[in-house]
N, C-alpha and C. Protein backbone atom coordinates (compact mmCIF):
# COMPACT_ATOMS: atom_id res chain seq x y z
N UNK A 1 -47.22 -18.15 -54.88
CA UNK A 1 -47.86 -17.04 -54.49
C UNK A 1 -47.35 -15.82 -54.25
N UNK A 2 -47.63 -14.81 -55.09
CA UNK A 2 -46.70 -13.60 -55.08
C UNK A 2 -47.02 -12.73 -53.58
N UNK A 3 -46.14 -11.98 -52.86
CA UNK A 3 -46.23 -11.81 -51.71
C UNK A 3 -46.54 -10.04 -52.66
N UNK A 4 -47.60 -9.37 -51.71
CA UNK A 4 -47.85 -7.92 -51.57
C UNK A 4 -47.13 -7.19 -50.87
N UNK A 5 -46.72 -5.77 -51.89
CA UNK A 5 -45.84 -4.69 -51.26
C UNK A 5 -46.39 -4.74 -49.56
N UNK A 6 -47.29 -4.56 -49.19
CA UNK A 6 -47.30 -4.66 -48.18
C UNK A 6 -46.57 -5.49 -46.93
N UNK A 7 -46.56 -6.99 -47.62
CA UNK A 7 -45.94 -7.75 -46.99
C UNK A 7 -45.03 -7.98 -47.01
N UNK A 8 -44.46 -7.33 -47.92
CA UNK A 8 -42.69 -6.96 -48.09
C UNK A 8 -41.86 -6.35 -47.05
N UNK A 9 -42.99 -5.01 -47.06
CA UNK A 9 -42.53 -4.13 -46.41
C UNK A 9 -42.59 -4.43 -44.81
N UNK A 10 -43.68 -5.02 -44.29
CA UNK A 10 -43.81 -5.49 -42.91
C UNK A 10 -42.07 -6.05 -42.25
N UNK A 11 -41.82 -7.23 -43.49
CA UNK A 11 -40.66 -8.06 -43.26
C UNK A 11 -39.50 -7.25 -43.14
N UNK A 12 -39.32 -6.03 -43.74
CA UNK A 12 -38.33 -5.41 -43.77
C UNK A 12 -38.23 -4.79 -42.65
N UNK A 13 -39.38 -3.81 -42.27
CA UNK A 13 -39.56 -3.19 -40.96
C UNK A 13 -39.20 -4.05 -39.80
N UNK A 14 -39.64 -5.24 -39.80
CA UNK A 14 -38.87 -6.40 -38.56
C UNK A 14 -37.66 -6.63 -38.43
N UNK A 15 -36.90 -6.50 -39.53
CA UNK A 15 -35.48 -6.63 -39.80
C UNK A 15 -35.01 -5.62 -39.34
N UNK A 16 -35.37 -4.23 -39.74
CA UNK A 16 -34.70 -3.00 -39.33
C UNK A 16 -34.85 -3.41 -37.56
N UNK A 17 -36.25 -3.61 -37.10
CA UNK A 17 -36.33 -3.43 -35.55
C UNK A 17 -35.41 -4.28 -34.97
N UNK A 18 -34.98 -5.41 -35.04
CA UNK A 18 -34.21 -6.64 -34.77
C UNK A 18 -33.01 -6.06 -34.76
N UNK A 19 -32.45 -5.34 -36.08
CA UNK A 19 -31.19 -4.76 -36.16
C UNK A 19 -31.01 -3.59 -34.99
N UNK A 20 -31.76 -2.62 -34.93
CA UNK A 20 -31.86 -1.71 -33.91
C UNK A 20 -31.70 -2.20 -32.41
N UNK A 21 -32.41 -3.13 -32.01
CA UNK A 21 -32.43 -3.59 -30.50
C UNK A 21 -31.05 -4.12 -30.72
N UNK A 22 -30.40 -5.18 -31.15
CA UNK A 22 -28.91 -5.26 -31.01
C UNK A 22 -28.12 -4.43 -30.98
N UNK A 23 -28.45 -3.32 -31.95
CA UNK A 23 -27.28 -2.19 -31.58
C UNK A 23 -27.47 -1.66 -30.26
N UNK A 24 -28.80 -1.47 -29.85
CA UNK A 24 -29.09 -0.62 -28.71
C UNK A 24 -28.36 -1.04 -27.39
N UNK A 25 -28.88 -2.76 -27.60
CA UNK A 25 -28.37 -3.75 -26.84
C UNK A 25 -26.74 -3.75 -26.43
N UNK A 26 -26.00 -3.43 -28.21
CA UNK A 26 -24.63 -3.38 -27.54
C UNK A 26 -24.20 -2.22 -27.34
N UNK A 27 -24.80 -0.82 -27.31
CA UNK A 27 -24.49 0.18 -26.29
C UNK A 27 -24.89 0.82 -25.20
N UNK A 28 -25.84 -0.64 -24.75
CA UNK A 28 -26.21 -0.59 -23.10
C UNK A 28 -24.84 -1.66 -22.62
N UNK A 29 -24.58 -2.54 -23.24
CA UNK A 29 -23.36 -3.32 -22.57
C UNK A 29 -22.24 -2.34 -22.53
N UNK A 30 -22.11 -1.73 -23.58
CA UNK A 30 -20.82 -1.03 -23.33
C UNK A 30 -20.88 0.14 -22.07
N UNK A 31 -21.94 0.59 -22.53
CA UNK A 31 -22.40 1.70 -21.17
C UNK A 31 -22.10 1.12 -19.66
N UNK A 32 -22.72 0.04 -19.73
CA UNK A 32 -22.54 -0.62 -18.53
C UNK A 32 -21.22 -1.45 -18.06
N UNK A 33 -20.33 -1.85 -19.04
CA UNK A 33 -18.86 -2.22 -18.76
C UNK A 33 -18.33 -0.62 -18.66
N UNK A 34 -18.41 0.54 -18.87
CA UNK A 34 -17.36 1.55 -18.78
C UNK A 34 -17.98 2.02 -16.97
N UNK A 35 -19.08 1.78 -16.78
CA UNK A 35 -19.62 2.02 -15.20
C UNK A 35 -18.85 0.89 -14.74
N UNK A 36 -18.99 -0.36 -14.80
CA UNK A 36 -18.04 -1.27 -13.90
C UNK A 36 -16.72 -0.78 -13.95
N UNK A 37 -15.94 -0.46 -14.70
CA UNK A 37 -14.43 0.06 -14.57
C UNK A 37 -14.35 1.05 -14.12
N UNK A 38 -15.10 2.08 -14.49
CA UNK A 38 -14.96 3.19 -13.46
C UNK A 38 -15.44 2.97 -12.00
N UNK A 39 -16.17 2.31 -11.69
CA UNK A 39 -16.33 1.88 -10.16
C UNK A 39 -15.02 0.95 -9.72
N UNK A 40 -14.58 0.23 -10.54
CA UNK A 40 -13.20 -0.79 -10.40
C UNK A 40 -12.21 0.11 -10.04
N UNK A 41 -11.91 1.21 -10.66
CA UNK A 41 -11.02 2.19 -10.93
C UNK A 41 -11.23 3.01 -9.33
N UNK A 42 -12.18 3.51 -8.96
CA UNK A 42 -12.79 4.30 -7.84
C UNK A 42 -12.33 3.13 -6.82
N UNK A 43 -12.81 2.10 -6.53
CA UNK A 43 -12.44 1.46 -5.44
C UNK A 43 -10.38 1.03 -5.19
N UNK A 44 -10.20 1.14 -6.20
CA UNK A 44 -8.53 1.09 -6.34
C UNK A 44 -8.13 2.63 -5.45
N UNK A 45 -8.62 3.36 -6.14
CA UNK A 45 -8.32 4.80 -5.68
C UNK A 45 -8.28 5.12 -4.05
N UNK A 46 -9.53 4.52 -3.62
CA UNK A 46 -10.02 4.75 -2.43
C UNK A 46 -9.06 3.77 -1.02
N UNK A 47 -8.88 2.54 -2.07
CA UNK A 47 -8.02 1.76 -0.88
C UNK A 47 -6.29 2.02 -0.86
N UNK A 48 -6.05 2.67 -1.95
CA UNK A 48 -4.61 3.35 -2.04
C UNK A 48 -4.99 4.33 -1.40
N UNK A 49 -5.95 5.18 -1.24
CA UNK A 49 -6.01 6.60 0.05
C UNK A 49 -5.80 5.94 1.12
N UNK A 50 -6.52 4.60 1.53
CA UNK A 50 -6.30 3.80 2.69
C UNK A 50 -4.96 3.25 2.95
N UNK A 51 -4.48 3.10 2.28
CA UNK A 51 -2.86 2.83 2.41
C UNK A 51 -2.19 3.29 2.75
N UNK A 52 -2.54 4.73 1.98
CA UNK A 52 -1.69 5.92 2.26
C UNK A 52 -1.56 6.55 4.10
N UNK A 53 -3.06 6.85 4.43
CA UNK A 53 -3.41 6.98 5.54
C UNK A 53 -2.29 6.45 6.69
N UNK A 54 -2.66 4.67 6.41
CA UNK A 54 -2.09 3.86 7.41
C UNK A 54 -0.95 3.99 7.42
N UNK A 55 -0.15 4.53 6.38
CA UNK A 55 1.16 4.68 6.46
C UNK A 55 1.61 5.93 7.46
N UNK A 56 0.85 6.88 7.00
CA UNK A 56 0.67 8.32 7.79
C UNK A 56 0.56 7.70 9.16
N UNK A 57 -0.30 7.10 9.72
CA UNK A 57 -0.70 6.67 10.63
C UNK A 57 0.61 5.95 11.58
N UNK A 58 1.36 4.98 10.79
CA UNK A 58 2.39 4.64 11.61
C UNK A 58 3.77 5.67 11.44
N UNK A 59 3.84 6.65 10.42
CA UNK A 59 4.64 7.40 10.96
C UNK A 59 4.40 8.43 12.18
N UNK A 60 3.22 8.75 12.44
CA UNK A 60 2.52 9.48 13.56
C UNK A 60 3.31 8.71 14.90
N UNK A 61 2.71 7.20 14.95
CA UNK A 61 3.03 6.36 15.69
C UNK A 61 5.01 6.34 16.54
N UNK A 62 5.81 6.36 15.32
CA UNK A 62 7.28 6.58 15.10
C UNK A 62 7.66 7.86 15.93
N UNK A 63 6.70 8.76 15.57
CA UNK A 63 7.43 10.45 15.98
C UNK A 63 6.99 10.34 17.32
N UNK A 64 6.17 9.42 17.75
CA UNK A 64 5.61 9.78 19.21
C UNK A 64 6.77 9.04 20.35
N UNK A 65 7.29 8.23 19.71
CA UNK A 65 7.92 7.51 20.41
C UNK A 65 9.71 8.14 20.18
N UNK A 66 10.09 8.37 21.37
CA UNK A 66 11.37 8.92 21.90
C UNK A 66 12.71 8.44 21.51
N UNK A 67 12.54 6.78 20.98
CA UNK A 67 13.66 6.19 20.37
C UNK A 67 13.54 5.55 19.22
N UNK A 68 12.66 5.79 18.35
CA UNK A 68 12.14 4.97 17.36
C UNK A 68 13.57 4.99 15.84
N UNK A 69 14.00 6.14 16.13
CA UNK A 69 15.08 5.90 15.28
C UNK A 69 16.48 4.98 15.78
N UNK A 70 16.62 4.98 16.88
CA UNK A 70 17.57 4.06 17.70
C UNK A 70 17.14 2.57 17.72
N UNK A 71 15.77 2.73 17.30
CA UNK A 71 15.08 1.16 17.13
C UNK A 71 14.51 0.88 15.90
N UNK A 72 15.20 1.40 14.83
CA UNK A 72 14.57 1.31 13.76
C UNK A 72 14.34 -0.45 13.46
N UNK A 73 15.50 -1.40 13.76
CA UNK A 73 15.09 -2.17 13.28
C UNK A 73 14.35 -3.35 13.83
N UNK A 74 13.46 -2.45 15.15
CA UNK A 74 12.50 -3.46 15.49
C UNK A 74 11.24 -3.36 15.38
N UNK A 75 11.22 -2.33 14.01
CA UNK A 75 9.55 -2.06 13.50
C UNK A 75 9.80 -2.71 11.74
N UNK A 76 11.48 -3.54 12.13
CA UNK A 76 11.11 -4.42 10.46
C UNK A 76 10.03 -5.45 10.95
N UNK A 77 9.46 -5.87 9.70
CA UNK A 77 8.27 -7.10 9.75
C UNK A 77 8.06 -7.32 8.10
N UNK A 78 7.97 -8.96 7.91
CA UNK A 78 7.85 -9.10 6.39
C UNK A 78 6.60 -9.14 6.25
N UNK A 79 6.03 -9.72 5.18
CA UNK A 79 4.51 -10.10 4.37
C UNK A 79 4.45 -11.09 5.33
N UNK A 80 5.11 -12.15 5.53
CA UNK A 80 4.66 -13.07 6.37
C UNK A 80 4.23 -13.47 7.87
N UNK A 81 4.65 -11.94 8.48
CA UNK A 81 4.28 -11.85 9.83
C UNK A 81 2.92 -11.00 10.23
N UNK A 82 2.04 -11.83 10.75
CA UNK A 82 0.46 -11.21 10.59
C UNK A 82 0.85 -10.82 12.01
N UNK A 83 -0.39 -9.80 12.46
CA UNK A 83 -0.56 -9.14 13.64
C UNK A 83 -0.66 -10.26 14.69
N UNK A 84 -1.44 -11.28 14.36
CA UNK A 84 -1.32 -12.26 15.74
C UNK A 84 -0.28 -12.86 15.71
N UNK A 85 0.73 -12.65 14.86
CA UNK A 85 2.07 -13.76 15.07
C UNK A 85 2.98 -12.72 16.01
N UNK A 86 2.73 -11.32 15.88
CA UNK A 86 3.98 -10.83 16.68
C UNK A 86 3.58 -10.45 18.57
N UNK A 87 4.32 -10.94 19.09
CA UNK A 87 4.14 -10.81 20.67
C UNK A 87 4.73 -9.53 21.37
N UNK A 88 3.67 -8.83 22.08
CA UNK A 88 3.99 -7.39 22.15
C UNK A 88 3.30 -7.08 23.61
N UNK A 89 3.82 -6.50 24.60
CA UNK A 89 3.30 -6.11 26.02
C UNK A 89 2.22 -4.97 25.93
N UNK A 90 1.31 -4.93 26.54
CA UNK A 90 0.64 -3.86 26.39
C UNK A 90 0.89 -2.74 26.98
N UNK A 91 1.39 -1.66 25.99
CA UNK A 91 1.97 -0.29 26.52
C UNK A 91 1.17 0.33 27.01
N UNK A 92 -0.23 -0.04 26.71
CA UNK A 92 -1.33 1.28 26.82
C UNK A 92 -1.68 1.07 28.27
N UNK A 93 -1.36 0.25 28.98
CA UNK A 93 -2.00 0.16 30.62
C UNK A 93 -0.32 -0.06 31.55
N UNK A 94 0.71 -0.42 30.63
CA UNK A 94 2.12 -0.43 31.51
C UNK A 94 2.92 0.51 31.14
N UNK A 95 4.14 0.23 31.74
CA UNK A 95 5.27 1.16 31.43
C UNK A 95 5.98 -0.01 30.20
N UNK A 96 6.96 0.35 29.28
CA UNK A 96 7.49 -0.01 28.34
C UNK A 96 9.09 0.31 27.71
N UNK A 97 9.86 -0.36 27.40
CA UNK A 97 11.10 0.04 26.74
C UNK A 97 10.45 0.48 25.57
N UNK A 98 11.92 0.94 25.21
CA UNK A 98 11.60 1.61 23.60
C UNK A 98 11.22 0.45 22.65
N UNK A 99 11.95 -0.76 23.28
CA UNK A 99 12.27 -1.70 22.12
C UNK A 99 10.74 -2.37 22.47
N UNK A 100 10.02 -2.64 23.39
CA UNK A 100 8.43 -2.88 23.58
C UNK A 100 7.65 -2.29 22.91
N UNK A 101 7.88 -0.66 23.13
CA UNK A 101 7.07 0.07 22.25
C UNK A 101 6.81 -0.16 21.10
N UNK A 102 7.98 -0.42 20.34
CA UNK A 102 8.09 -0.61 19.02
C UNK A 102 7.51 -1.75 18.34
N UNK A 103 7.20 -2.99 19.09
CA UNK A 103 6.87 -3.97 18.88
C UNK A 103 5.08 -3.57 19.40
N UNK A 104 4.77 -3.10 20.19
CA UNK A 104 3.52 -3.06 20.58
C UNK A 104 2.76 -1.82 19.60
N UNK A 105 3.53 -0.77 19.10
CA UNK A 105 3.08 -0.36 17.88
C UNK A 105 2.83 -1.08 16.61
N UNK A 106 3.91 -1.49 16.52
CA UNK A 106 3.73 -2.61 15.03
C UNK A 106 2.71 -3.50 15.00
N UNK A 107 1.92 -3.98 16.24
CA UNK A 107 1.28 -5.18 16.12
C UNK A 107 -0.22 -4.43 16.28
N UNK A 108 -0.52 -2.89 17.14
CA UNK A 108 -1.28 -2.32 16.61
C UNK A 108 -1.57 -1.73 15.53
N UNK A 109 -0.42 -1.50 14.78
CA UNK A 109 -0.63 -1.02 13.11
C UNK A 109 -1.30 -2.33 12.00
N UNK A 110 -0.51 -3.07 12.45
CA UNK A 110 -0.79 -4.48 11.31
C UNK A 110 -2.23 -4.54 11.83
N UNK A 111 -2.77 -4.94 12.85
CA UNK A 111 -4.11 -5.04 12.94
C UNK A 111 -5.04 -4.16 12.42
N UNK A 112 -4.79 -2.71 12.38
CA UNK A 112 -5.47 -1.85 11.59
C UNK A 112 -5.42 -2.11 10.27
N UNK A 113 -4.24 -2.44 9.70
CA UNK A 113 -4.22 -2.92 8.48
C UNK A 113 -4.85 -3.92 7.87
N UNK A 114 -4.85 -5.16 8.88
CA UNK A 114 -5.56 -6.37 8.30
C UNK A 114 -7.27 -6.15 8.59
N UNK A 115 -7.66 -4.98 9.45
CA UNK A 115 -9.10 -4.82 9.45
C UNK A 115 -9.83 -3.68 8.18
N UNK A 116 -8.59 -3.30 7.58
CA UNK A 116 -9.04 -1.85 6.75
C UNK A 116 -9.33 -2.35 5.55
N UNK A 117 -7.81 -2.95 5.10
CA UNK A 117 -7.96 -3.68 3.53
C UNK A 117 -8.27 -5.05 3.57
N UNK A 118 -8.86 -5.51 2.25
CA UNK A 118 -9.02 -7.25 2.30
C UNK A 118 -7.86 -7.27 1.87
N UNK A 119 -7.41 -8.80 2.39
CA UNK A 119 -5.99 -9.53 2.05
C UNK A 119 -4.73 -8.94 2.38
N UNK A 120 -5.33 -7.37 3.66
CA UNK A 120 -4.14 -6.69 3.86
C UNK A 120 -2.70 -6.93 4.51
N UNK A 121 -1.60 -6.66 3.86
CA UNK A 121 -0.55 -7.04 4.43
C UNK A 121 0.60 -6.25 4.28
N UNK A 122 1.98 -6.43 4.92
CA UNK A 122 2.75 -5.13 4.93
C UNK A 122 4.57 -5.91 4.81
N UNK A 123 4.90 -5.31 4.38
CA UNK A 123 6.73 -5.27 4.89
C UNK A 123 6.62 -4.13 5.25
N UNK A 124 8.10 -3.85 6.32
CA UNK A 124 8.24 -2.99 6.74
C UNK A 124 10.01 -3.16 6.85
N UNK A 125 10.86 -2.35 6.06
CA UNK A 125 12.33 -2.64 6.00
C UNK A 125 13.06 -1.40 6.20
N UNK A 126 14.19 -1.65 6.45
CA UNK A 126 15.62 -0.57 6.18
C UNK A 126 15.16 -0.20 4.66
N UNK A 127 15.42 1.39 4.61
CA UNK A 127 15.89 1.71 2.96
C UNK A 127 16.78 1.07 2.38
N UNK A 128 16.89 0.02 1.24
CA UNK A 128 17.94 -0.36 0.69
C UNK A 128 18.91 0.54 0.36
N UNK A 129 18.84 1.30 0.07
CA UNK A 129 19.54 2.82 -0.54
C UNK A 129 20.76 3.35 0.62
N UNK A 130 20.39 2.99 1.87
CA UNK A 130 20.82 3.32 3.00
C UNK A 130 21.86 2.25 3.47
N UNK A 131 23.20 2.23 3.44
CA UNK A 131 23.68 1.08 3.89
C UNK A 131 24.69 1.44 5.05
N UNK A 132 25.03 2.61 5.09
CA UNK A 132 25.65 2.75 6.87
C UNK A 132 24.62 2.77 7.95
N UNK A 133 24.95 1.92 8.78
CA UNK A 133 24.09 1.97 10.01
C UNK A 133 23.79 3.22 10.63
N UNK A 134 24.99 3.99 10.73
CA UNK A 134 24.51 5.27 11.53
C UNK A 134 24.09 6.60 10.69
N UNK A 135 24.09 6.11 9.90
CA UNK A 135 22.94 7.17 8.90
C UNK A 135 21.61 6.57 8.63
N UNK A 136 20.98 5.53 8.67
CA UNK A 136 19.73 5.24 8.29
C UNK A 136 18.98 5.76 9.12
N UNK A 137 18.07 6.67 7.89
CA UNK A 137 17.35 7.53 8.50
C UNK A 137 15.69 7.17 8.00
N UNK A 138 15.48 5.75 7.30
CA UNK A 138 14.17 6.12 6.54
C UNK A 138 13.76 4.43 6.32
N UNK A 139 12.24 4.41 7.10
CA UNK A 139 12.09 2.85 6.86
C UNK A 139 10.88 2.80 6.00
N UNK A 140 11.34 2.17 5.13
CA UNK A 140 10.34 1.10 3.90
C UNK A 140 9.03 0.69 3.98
N UNK A 141 7.79 0.79 3.79
CA UNK A 141 6.89 0.50 3.67
C UNK A 141 6.10 0.23 2.55
N UNK A 142 6.02 -1.37 2.42
CA UNK A 142 5.16 -1.81 1.26
C UNK A 142 3.86 -2.60 1.76
N UNK A 143 2.57 -1.75 1.46
CA UNK A 143 1.27 -2.12 1.95
C UNK A 143 0.57 -3.07 0.59
N UNK A 144 0.56 -4.26 0.90
CA UNK A 144 0.07 -4.92 -0.49
C UNK A 144 -1.62 -5.50 -0.02
N UNK A 145 -2.46 -5.44 -1.08
CA UNK A 145 -4.06 -5.69 -0.73
C UNK A 145 -4.78 -6.40 -1.86
N UNK A 146 -5.79 -6.94 -1.85
CA UNK A 146 -6.31 -7.83 -2.85
C UNK A 146 -7.36 -6.78 -3.47
N UNK A 147 -7.08 -7.15 -4.81
CA UNK A 147 -8.45 -6.30 -5.65
C UNK A 147 -9.44 -7.18 -6.24
N UNK A 148 -10.37 -6.97 -6.29
CA UNK A 148 -11.90 -8.01 -6.88
C UNK A 148 -11.33 -8.05 -8.37
N UNK A 149 -10.24 -8.99 -8.85
CA UNK A 149 -10.28 -9.25 -10.16
C UNK A 149 -9.76 -10.74 -10.34
N UNK A 150 -10.26 -11.39 -11.21
CA UNK A 150 -9.77 -12.68 -11.06
C UNK A 150 -8.60 -13.17 -10.78
N UNK A 151 -8.16 -14.61 -10.35
CA UNK A 151 -6.89 -14.88 -9.88
C UNK A 151 -5.99 -14.96 -11.06
N UNK A 152 -4.96 -14.42 -10.88
CA UNK A 152 -3.78 -14.59 -12.05
C UNK A 152 -3.78 -13.08 -13.16
N UNK A 153 -4.73 -12.38 -12.91
CA UNK A 153 -4.91 -11.31 -13.41
C UNK A 153 -4.18 -10.09 -13.12
N UNK A 154 -3.72 -10.34 -12.00
CA UNK A 154 -3.06 -8.61 -11.15
C UNK A 154 -2.20 -8.97 -10.74
N UNK A 155 -1.17 -8.22 -11.51
CA UNK A 155 -0.02 -8.24 -10.38
C UNK A 155 0.63 -6.92 -10.52
N UNK A 156 1.62 -6.63 -9.77
CA UNK A 156 2.04 -5.81 -9.47
C UNK A 156 3.67 -5.19 -9.52
N UNK A 157 4.09 -4.66 -9.81
CA UNK A 157 5.70 -4.63 -10.34
C UNK A 157 6.63 -3.91 -9.30
N UNK A 158 6.16 -3.59 -8.01
CA UNK A 158 6.95 -2.37 -7.54
C UNK A 158 7.73 -3.65 -6.54
N UNK A 159 9.18 -2.86 -6.24
CA UNK A 159 9.96 -4.17 -5.67
C UNK A 159 11.06 -2.77 -5.29
N UNK A 160 10.59 -2.46 -4.02
CA UNK A 160 11.94 -1.82 -3.07
C UNK A 160 13.63 -2.21 -3.52
N UNK A 161 13.76 -3.20 -3.76
CA UNK A 161 15.18 -3.65 -4.32
C UNK A 161 15.54 -3.12 -5.36
N UNK A 162 14.46 -2.36 -6.21
CA UNK A 162 15.11 -1.64 -7.54
C UNK A 162 16.02 -0.33 -7.02
N UNK A 163 17.30 -0.23 -6.55
CA UNK A 163 17.72 0.87 -5.70
C UNK A 163 18.40 1.97 -7.33
N UNK A 164 17.86 3.37 -6.84
CA UNK A 164 18.62 3.89 -7.81
C UNK A 164 19.83 4.36 -7.42
N UNK A 165 20.75 4.28 -8.37
CA UNK A 165 22.22 5.14 -8.14
C UNK A 165 22.34 5.98 -8.31
N UNK A 166 23.40 6.53 -8.21
CA UNK A 166 24.13 7.57 -8.20
C UNK A 166 23.96 8.20 -9.83
N UNK A 167 24.30 7.48 -10.72
CA UNK A 167 24.26 7.56 -11.72
C UNK A 167 22.96 8.20 -12.68
N UNK A 168 21.62 7.70 -11.88
CA UNK A 168 20.50 7.58 -12.35
C UNK A 168 19.65 6.40 -12.63
N UNK A 169 20.75 4.96 -12.69
CA UNK A 169 20.36 4.05 -13.24
C UNK A 169 19.55 3.31 -12.03
N UNK A 170 18.92 2.00 -12.32
CA UNK A 170 18.24 1.33 -11.22
C UNK A 170 19.12 -0.11 -11.30
N UNK A 171 19.27 -0.44 -10.25
CA UNK A 171 19.63 -2.04 -9.98
C UNK A 171 18.26 -2.61 -10.33
N UNK A 172 18.40 -4.42 -10.55
CA UNK A 172 17.57 -4.98 -11.85
C UNK A 172 16.61 -5.47 -10.18
N UNK A 173 17.10 -5.26 -9.13
CA UNK A 173 16.06 -6.08 -8.03
C UNK A 173 16.21 -7.34 -7.70
N UNK A 174 16.16 -7.79 -6.96
CA UNK A 174 16.22 -9.45 -6.19
C UNK A 174 14.96 -9.97 -6.15
N UNK A 175 13.54 -9.13 -5.90
CA UNK A 175 12.32 -9.98 -6.36
C UNK A 175 12.31 -10.71 -5.00
N UNK A 176 12.93 -10.13 -3.63
CA UNK A 176 12.57 -10.91 -2.62
C UNK A 176 11.63 -10.39 -1.35
N UNK A 177 11.69 -10.36 -0.46
CA UNK A 177 10.64 -9.96 0.55
C UNK A 177 10.18 -8.68 0.14
N UNK A 178 11.11 -7.94 -0.45
CA UNK A 178 10.55 -6.66 -0.23
C UNK A 178 9.77 -6.01 -1.64
N UNK A 179 9.45 -7.08 -2.60
CA UNK A 179 8.89 -6.53 -3.45
C UNK A 179 7.35 -7.20 -3.43
N UNK A 180 6.44 -6.71 -4.32
CA UNK A 180 5.25 -6.66 -4.20
C UNK A 180 4.55 -8.36 -4.33
N UNK A 181 3.94 -8.92 -3.76
CA UNK A 181 3.61 -10.43 -3.58
C UNK A 181 2.61 -10.60 -4.96
N UNK A 182 2.70 -11.52 -5.51
CA UNK A 182 2.02 -11.97 -6.56
C UNK A 182 0.16 -11.64 -6.64
N UNK A 183 -0.67 -11.58 -7.43
CA UNK A 183 -2.03 -11.62 -7.37
C UNK A 183 -2.65 -10.00 -6.52
N UNK A 184 -1.32 -9.27 -5.98
CA UNK A 184 -1.86 -8.35 -5.06
C UNK A 184 -1.63 -6.75 -5.90
N UNK A 185 -2.57 -5.78 -5.46
CA UNK A 185 -2.07 -4.24 -6.08
C UNK A 185 -1.16 -3.92 -4.22
N UNK A 186 -0.01 -2.78 -4.89
CA UNK A 186 0.64 -2.96 -3.81
C UNK A 186 1.32 -0.72 -3.97
N UNK A 187 1.24 -0.70 -2.50
CA UNK A 187 1.94 0.76 -2.71
C UNK A 187 3.16 1.09 -1.47
N UNK A 188 4.03 1.70 -2.17
CA UNK A 188 5.16 1.53 -1.47
C UNK A 188 5.48 3.18 -0.82
N UNK A 189 5.95 3.07 0.27
CA UNK A 189 6.34 4.60 0.76
C UNK A 189 7.85 4.48 1.56
N UNK A 190 8.19 5.66 1.46
CA UNK A 190 9.26 5.81 2.91
C UNK A 190 8.95 6.78 3.79
N UNK A 191 9.19 6.29 5.25
CA UNK A 191 9.01 7.16 6.11
C UNK A 191 9.92 7.74 6.64
N UNK A 192 10.48 8.86 6.51
CA UNK A 192 11.61 9.47 7.28
C UNK A 192 11.41 9.45 8.68
N UNK A 193 12.83 9.19 9.45
CA UNK A 193 12.58 8.85 11.08
C UNK A 193 13.69 10.12 11.38
N UNK A 194 12.57 10.82 12.11
CA UNK A 194 13.65 12.20 12.93
C UNK A 194 14.44 11.79 14.17
N UNK A 195 15.21 11.94 14.47
CA UNK A 195 16.07 12.06 15.47
C UNK A 195 15.60 13.04 16.63
N UNK A 196 15.06 13.03 18.16
CA UNK A 196 14.99 13.55 18.64
C UNK A 196 16.28 14.15 19.62
N UNK A 197 16.36 15.46 19.75
CA UNK A 197 17.45 16.20 20.36
C UNK A 197 16.99 16.83 21.83
N UNK A 198 17.82 17.22 22.54
CA UNK A 198 17.99 17.55 23.49
C UNK A 198 18.99 18.55 23.54
N UNK A 199 19.15 20.12 24.30
CA UNK A 199 20.10 20.68 24.71
C UNK A 199 20.27 20.62 25.85
N UNK A 200 21.81 20.30 25.80
CA UNK A 200 22.37 20.75 27.46
C UNK A 200 24.07 21.36 27.67
N UNK A 201 23.61 22.48 28.47
CA UNK A 201 24.48 23.28 28.55
C UNK A 201 25.32 23.21 30.03
N UNK A 202 26.62 23.01 30.21
CA UNK A 202 27.45 22.62 31.70
C UNK A 202 27.68 23.84 32.40
N UNK A 203 27.38 24.71 31.99
CA UNK A 203 27.38 25.98 32.48
C UNK A 203 28.33 26.87 32.19
N UNK A 204 29.05 26.55 30.98
CA UNK A 204 30.32 27.24 30.56
C UNK A 204 29.51 28.04 29.40
N UNK A 205 28.46 27.96 28.84
CA UNK A 205 28.33 28.27 27.67
C UNK A 205 27.85 27.94 26.39
N UNK A 206 28.32 26.68 26.59
CA UNK A 206 28.52 25.96 25.56
C UNK A 206 27.15 25.04 25.57
N UNK A 207 26.55 24.66 24.46
CA UNK A 207 25.40 24.13 24.27
C UNK A 207 25.74 22.70 23.46
N UNK A 208 25.42 21.70 24.39
CA UNK A 208 25.82 20.56 23.39
C UNK A 208 24.20 19.76 23.29
N UNK A 209 24.06 19.16 22.00
CA UNK A 209 22.92 18.68 21.82
C UNK A 209 23.23 16.90 21.93
N UNK A 210 21.96 16.28 22.67
CA UNK A 210 22.09 15.06 22.80
C UNK A 210 20.82 14.25 21.82
N UNK A 211 21.23 13.75 20.78
CA UNK A 211 20.07 13.15 20.01
C UNK A 211 19.70 11.36 20.19
N UNK A 212 18.65 11.08 20.23
CA UNK A 212 18.13 10.18 20.37
C UNK A 212 17.54 9.35 19.35
């Protein structure tokens, strides 16, 4: 039996409608994908801003300490050390030595880090480019956190052991405790630690600066 022209027309219209629906669905999926990627990028930006603020907070704590420079080694702490692993006196209610103050500040800071960032960890270390103990003026900080991505898909190549030499080249790095852990996003920053100096005059007109 032959189909009338009206029947053939209705069949073509149905196919066109299905094609239009498929194209519209693909377009909507594309828009949704862009939105999800934008939200993920925004989340990463927010967390990196939180990491920067945490490092600024640590810098403020060190500036408030009168002997932070002399106690630089007391701030060193690896990724494996959580706040709960650190023993510290409560310097908010009792007097502390400079070393005890550094331990207290570190414990308080790592507690704030773990509460702020998901899976938050931090490694604090002396700047590898400063090899003379008397001239060390920086504390390196790497903050690591977990992103909402599938396991095995997120790695960060930050390695603080890749030191820039005088000729502008970089060392290969040792991928040790100062490198970003696998499956983490990291932020690396160095905190300049200033010495506090007090003038002293012996009455002869000569002023001597004593720094700590």
